[in-house]
Protein backbone atom coordinates (compact mmCIF):
# COMPACT_ATOMS: atom_id res chain seq x y z
CA MET A 1 54.61 57.86 93.84
CA ARG A 2 55.23 60.27 90.96
CA SER A 3 54.61 63.20 93.30
CA MET A 4 57.15 61.89 95.79
CA MET A 5 59.76 61.44 93.00
CA ARG A 6 59.24 65.07 91.91
CA SER A 7 59.66 66.22 95.52
CA ILE A 8 62.88 64.25 95.90
CA ALA A 9 64.15 65.59 92.57
CA ALA A 10 63.32 69.15 93.63
CA ILE A 11 65.16 68.66 96.94
CA LEU A 12 68.22 67.26 95.16
CA VAL A 13 68.26 70.21 92.75
CA CYS A 14 68.10 72.66 95.68
CA ILE A 15 70.90 70.85 97.50
CA GLY A 16 73.00 70.85 94.32
CA LEU A 17 72.46 74.56 93.73
CA GLY A 18 73.29 75.34 97.35
CA ALA A 19 76.52 73.35 97.14
CA ALA A 20 77.49 75.08 93.89
CA VAL A 21 76.92 78.50 95.42
CA ASN A 22 78.92 77.63 98.54
CA VAL A 23 81.82 76.32 96.46
CA GLY A 24 81.66 79.31 94.09
CA ILE A 25 81.91 82.01 96.75
CA PRO A 26 85.31 81.03 98.15
CA ALA A 27 86.69 80.50 94.64
CA ALA A 28 85.56 83.98 93.58
CA ALA A 29 86.94 85.52 96.75
CA MET A 30 90.28 83.75 96.27
CA ALA A 31 90.52 84.96 92.66
CA GLN A 32 90.34 88.57 93.81
CA GLN A 33 93.02 88.22 96.49
CA THR A 34 96.65 88.85 95.58
CA ALA A 35 99.60 87.60 97.53
CA SER A 36 101.35 90.27 99.54
CA TRP A 37 104.95 91.28 98.84
CA ASN A 38 105.37 91.80 102.60
CA GLY A 39 108.88 91.09 103.83
CA THR A 40 112.44 91.33 102.54
CA TRP A 41 113.34 90.03 99.08
CA ILE A 42 117.00 89.31 98.30
CA GLY A 43 119.10 88.18 95.36
CA ASN A 44 122.31 88.35 93.32
CA TRP A 45 124.67 88.34 96.31
CA ALA A 46 126.88 85.72 94.61
CA GLY A 47 126.75 87.80 91.41
CA GLY A 48 128.58 90.69 93.05
CA ASN A 49 125.83 93.32 93.24
CA GLY A 50 123.26 92.05 95.67
CA THR A 51 119.89 93.59 96.32
CA GLN A 52 117.58 93.76 99.30
CA ILE A 53 114.05 95.01 98.68
CA VAL A 54 111.86 95.62 101.73
CA PHE A 55 108.06 95.81 101.68
CA ALA A 56 105.45 96.44 104.36
CA ASP A 57 102.48 94.60 102.86
CA ASN A 58 102.64 95.91 99.26
CA GLU A 59 104.30 99.24 100.07
CA LEU A 60 107.98 99.60 99.15
CA ILE A 61 109.97 100.66 102.23
CA ALA A 62 113.57 100.42 101.00
CA MET A 63 115.79 99.07 98.21
CA TYR A 64 119.47 98.28 98.63
CA TRP A 65 121.37 98.39 95.32
CA ASN A 66 124.90 99.34 94.19
CA GLY A 67 126.22 99.10 97.74
CA ASP A 68 123.74 101.46 99.38
CA TYR A 69 120.07 102.09 100.02
CA LEU A 70 118.52 104.09 97.20
CA SER A 71 116.89 107.41 98.00
CA ASP A 72 113.67 108.69 96.49
CA THR A 73 112.40 105.29 95.36
CA GLN A 74 108.85 104.97 94.18
CA SER A 75 106.87 101.86 93.34
CA SER A 76 103.80 100.85 91.43
CA LEU A 77 101.98 97.53 91.89
CA SER A 78 100.41 95.84 88.83
CA PRO A 79 96.63 95.30 88.96
CA ASP A 80 97.08 91.54 89.51
CA GLY A 81 99.70 92.14 92.24
CA LYS A 82 102.30 89.94 90.56
CA ALA A 83 104.70 92.70 89.50
CA VAL A 84 106.14 95.84 91.05
CA THR A 85 107.82 98.60 89.09
CA ILE A 86 110.43 100.42 91.19
CA THR A 87 111.88 103.72 90.02
CA TRP A 88 114.64 105.98 91.31
CA GLN A 89 116.65 108.85 89.88
CA ALA A 90 119.18 106.74 87.94
CA GLY A 91 117.09 103.71 87.05
CA GLN A 92 114.13 101.43 87.14
CA ALA A 93 113.49 97.80 88.09
CA LEU A 94 110.69 95.38 87.34
CA LEU A 95 110.19 92.85 90.13
CA THR A 96 107.96 89.92 89.15
CA ARG A 97 106.63 87.18 91.41
CA ASP A 98 107.13 83.59 90.20
CA GLY A 99 105.77 81.91 93.36
CA GLU A 100 104.82 82.70 96.94
CA ALA A 101 108.45 83.32 97.93
CA THR A 102 110.28 83.46 94.58
CA GLY A 103 110.58 85.94 91.76
CA HIS A 104 112.94 87.68 89.41
CA ILE A 105 114.02 91.23 88.77
CA VAL A 106 115.30 93.17 85.77
CA VAL A 107 117.26 96.32 86.66
CA HIS A 108 117.80 99.06 84.08
CA GLU A 109 120.11 101.94 84.90
CA THR A 110 120.99 104.80 82.58
CA GLY A 111 124.18 104.03 80.66
CA GLN A 112 124.43 100.45 81.98
CA PRO A 113 123.41 97.08 80.51
CA ASP A 114 120.27 95.57 82.01
CA ILE A 115 120.82 93.09 84.83
CA ALA A 116 118.38 90.23 85.48
CA PHE A 117 118.45 87.70 88.31
CA ASP A 118 116.29 85.64 90.65
CA VAL A 119 115.12 86.89 94.04
CA LYS A 120 113.58 85.13 97.00
CA ARG A 121 111.80 86.16 100.15
CA ASP A 122 114.33 86.22 103.00
CA ASN A 123 113.21 84.00 105.87
CA GLN A 124 114.50 85.93 108.86
C-alpha cells in the first residue's frame, strides 16, 4: 500500500511539474513580445495642429506635422517597444504607448514651447 501511495505521489508531482512548465513557456514568450506600432496614429486635430504618424510594423514611414509631411525623419524604438523617439531637423517627439491603440506624444521644436497631446491608432 505504501509503495502504491509513493507511486501515485510521484505521478502527481510529474503531472504538476509538466503543467507548470507548459504554463510557464507561453508566459515567458508573451513577456518578450512587444506590441507593434503598425498603422496610422493620429491626434490633436481639434487642437489646431494635428499629426498623423505612419508605421509599417515598428518602422516609421511618415509623420505629418505643422501642415506637411516632415522630411528626413528618423526614429528609435525603446527596448520594451512602448516608446518611439522621432527626430527631424527642427525638432523631436517622444511617442509613448498607453494601450494597444492609445498613446500620447510630446513634441519639442527649437524655439517653441513643448506640445503634448493624446494619440490613437486610426481605424481605417
